[in-house]
């Protein structure tokens, strides 16, 4: 049974590396372009979730600072 391939998608840097890896796999004929497109779409979805999460964290910090300043 062939070894399963995985992509690390924990950070924006991981996603950047994964997208580059997927592009190389398409160029080398290791995966078909349709599958590669699906994987890149998934990477972009995860990246958007990470961005929203980071913005929410920053917003929460700013709200806490404003509340602190009002006291």
C-alpha atoms as a PDB file:
ATOM      1  CA  UNK A   1       0.000   0.000   0.000  1.00  0.00           C
ATOM      2  CA  UNK A   2       1.518   3.389  -0.970  1.00  0.00           C
ATOM      3  CA  UNK A   3       2.303   5.921   1.721  1.00  0.00           C
ATOM      4  CA  UNK A   4      -0.373   8.594   2.123  1.00  0.00           C
ATOM      5  CA  UNK A   5       0.699  12.131   1.313  1.00  0.00           C
ATOM      6  CA  UNK A   6      -0.239  14.899   3.709  1.00  0.00           C
ATOM      7  CA  UNK A   7      -0.072  18.662   3.571  1.00  0.00           C
ATOM      8  CA  UNK A   8       0.562  20.733   6.664  1.00  0.00           C
ATOM      9  CA  UNK A   9      -1.921  23.608   6.775  1.00  0.00           C
ATOM     10  CA  UNK A  10      -1.404  25.083  10.248  1.00  0.00           C
ATOM     11  CA  UNK A  11       0.115  28.449   9.384  1.00  0.00           C
ATOM     12  CA  UNK A  12       0.171  30.786   6.377  1.00  0.00           C
ATOM     13  CA  UNK A  13       3.796  29.725   5.765  1.00  0.00           C
ATOM     14  CA  UNK A  14       2.743  26.047   5.757  1.00  0.00           C
ATOM     15  CA  UNK A  15       0.000  26.838   3.263  1.00  0.00           C
ATOM     16  CA  UNK A  16       2.426  28.737   1.012  1.00  0.00           C
ATOM     17  CA  UNK A  17       4.755  25.723   0.985  1.00  0.00           C
ATOM     18  CA  UNK A  18       1.830  23.370   0.333  1.00  0.00           C
ATOM     19  CA  UNK A  19       0.604  25.414  -2.630  1.00  0.00           C
ATOM     20  CA  UNK A  20       4.122  25.407  -4.086  1.00  0.00           C
ATOM     21  CA  UNK A  21       4.327  21.649  -3.538  1.00  0.00           C
ATOM     22  CA  UNK A  22       0.971  21.112  -5.245  1.00  0.00           C
ATOM     23  CA  UNK A  23       2.096  23.239  -8.201  1.00  0.00           C
ATOM     24  CA  UNK A  24       5.231  21.134  -8.561  1.00  0.00           C
ATOM     25  CA  UNK A  25       3.200  17.935  -8.335  1.00  0.00           C
ATOM     26  CA  UNK A  26       0.961  19.147 -11.170  1.00  0.00           C
ATOM     27  CA  UNK A  27       3.978  20.126 -13.298  1.00  0.00           C
ATOM     28  CA  UNK A  28       5.617  16.746 -12.707  1.00  0.00           C
ATOM     29  CA  UNK A  29       2.451  14.837 -13.577  1.00  0.00           C
ATOM     30  CA  UNK A  30       2.145  13.364 -10.077  1.00  0.00           C
ATOM     31  CA  UNK A  31      -1.465  14.572  -9.756  1.00  0.00           C
ATOM     32  CA  UNK A  32      -3.967  15.736 -12.341  1.00  0.00           C
ATOM     33  CA  UNK A  33      -4.706  19.485 -12.579  1.00  0.00           C
ATOM     34  CA  UNK A  34      -8.319  19.052 -11.431  1.00  0.00           C
ATOM     35  CA  UNK A  35      -7.201  17.450  -8.176  1.00  0.00           C
ATOM     36  CA  UNK A  36      -4.498  20.095  -7.787  1.00  0.00           C
ATOM     37  CA  UNK A  37      -7.080  22.834  -8.236  1.00  0.00           C
ATOM     38  CA  UNK A  38      -9.244  21.250  -5.540  1.00  0.00           C
ATOM     39  CA  UNK A  39      -6.304  21.096  -3.155  1.00  0.00           C
ATOM     40  CA  UNK A  40      -5.359  24.722  -3.814  1.00  0.00           C
ATOM     41  CA  UNK A  41      -8.989  25.739  -3.246  1.00  0.00           C
ATOM     42  CA  UNK A  42      -8.901  23.933   0.112  1.00  0.00           C
ATOM     43  CA  UNK A  43      -5.611  25.670   0.994  1.00  0.00           C
ATOM     44  CA  UNK A  44      -7.149  29.057   0.233  1.00  0.00           C
ATOM     45  CA  UNK A  45     -10.187  28.222   2.368  1.00  0.00           C
ATOM     46  CA  UNK A  46      -7.983  27.289   5.326  1.00  0.00           C
ATOM     47  CA  UNK A  47      -5.910  30.443   4.807  1.00  0.00           C
ATOM     48  CA  UNK A  48      -9.063  32.581   4.939  1.00  0.00           C
ATOM     49  CA  UNK A  49     -10.139  30.893   8.170  1.00  0.00           C
ATOM     50  CA  UNK A  50      -6.708  31.573   9.705  1.00  0.00           C
ATOM     51  CA  UNK A  51      -6.884  35.247   8.648  1.00  0.00           C
ATOM     52  CA  UNK A  52     -10.356  35.695  10.126  1.00  0.00           C
ATOM     53  CA  UNK A  53      -9.256  34.002  13.336  1.00  0.00           C
ATOM     54  CA  UNK A  54      -6.200  36.265  13.623  1.00  0.00           C
ATOM     55  CA  UNK A  55      -8.317  39.367  12.982  1.00  0.00           C
ATOM     56  CA  UNK A  56     -10.808  38.261  15.645  1.00  0.00           C
ATOM     57  CA  UNK A  57      -7.980  37.826  18.144  1.00  0.00           C
ATOM     58  CA  UNK A  58      -6.674  41.334  17.377  1.00  0.00           C
ATOM     59  CA  UNK A  59     -10.168  42.785  17.643  1.00  0.00           C
ATOM     60  CA  UNK A  60     -10.676  41.133  21.025  1.00  0.00           C
ATOM     61  CA  UNK A  61      -7.355  42.583  22.229  1.00  0.00           C
ATOM     62  CA  UNK A  62      -8.307  46.069  21.019  1.00  0.00           C
ATOM     63  CA  UNK A  63     -11.713  45.846  22.705  1.00  0.00           C
ATOM     64  CA  UNK A  64     -10.032  44.842  25.957  1.00  0.00           C
ATOM     65  CA  UNK A  65      -7.657  47.838  25.687  1.00  0.00           C
ATOM     66  CA  UNK A  66     -10.528  50.246  25.028  1.00  0.00           C
ATOM     67  CA  UNK A  67     -12.468  48.873  27.995  1.00  0.00           C
ATOM     68  CA  UNK A  68      -9.370  49.244  30.155  1.00  0.00           C
ATOM     69  CA  UNK A  69      -8.871  52.856  29.023  1.00  0.00           C
ATOM     70  CA  UNK A  70     -12.505  53.716  29.784  1.00  0.00           C
ATOM     71  CA  UNK A  71     -12.088  52.669  33.408  1.00  0.00           C
END
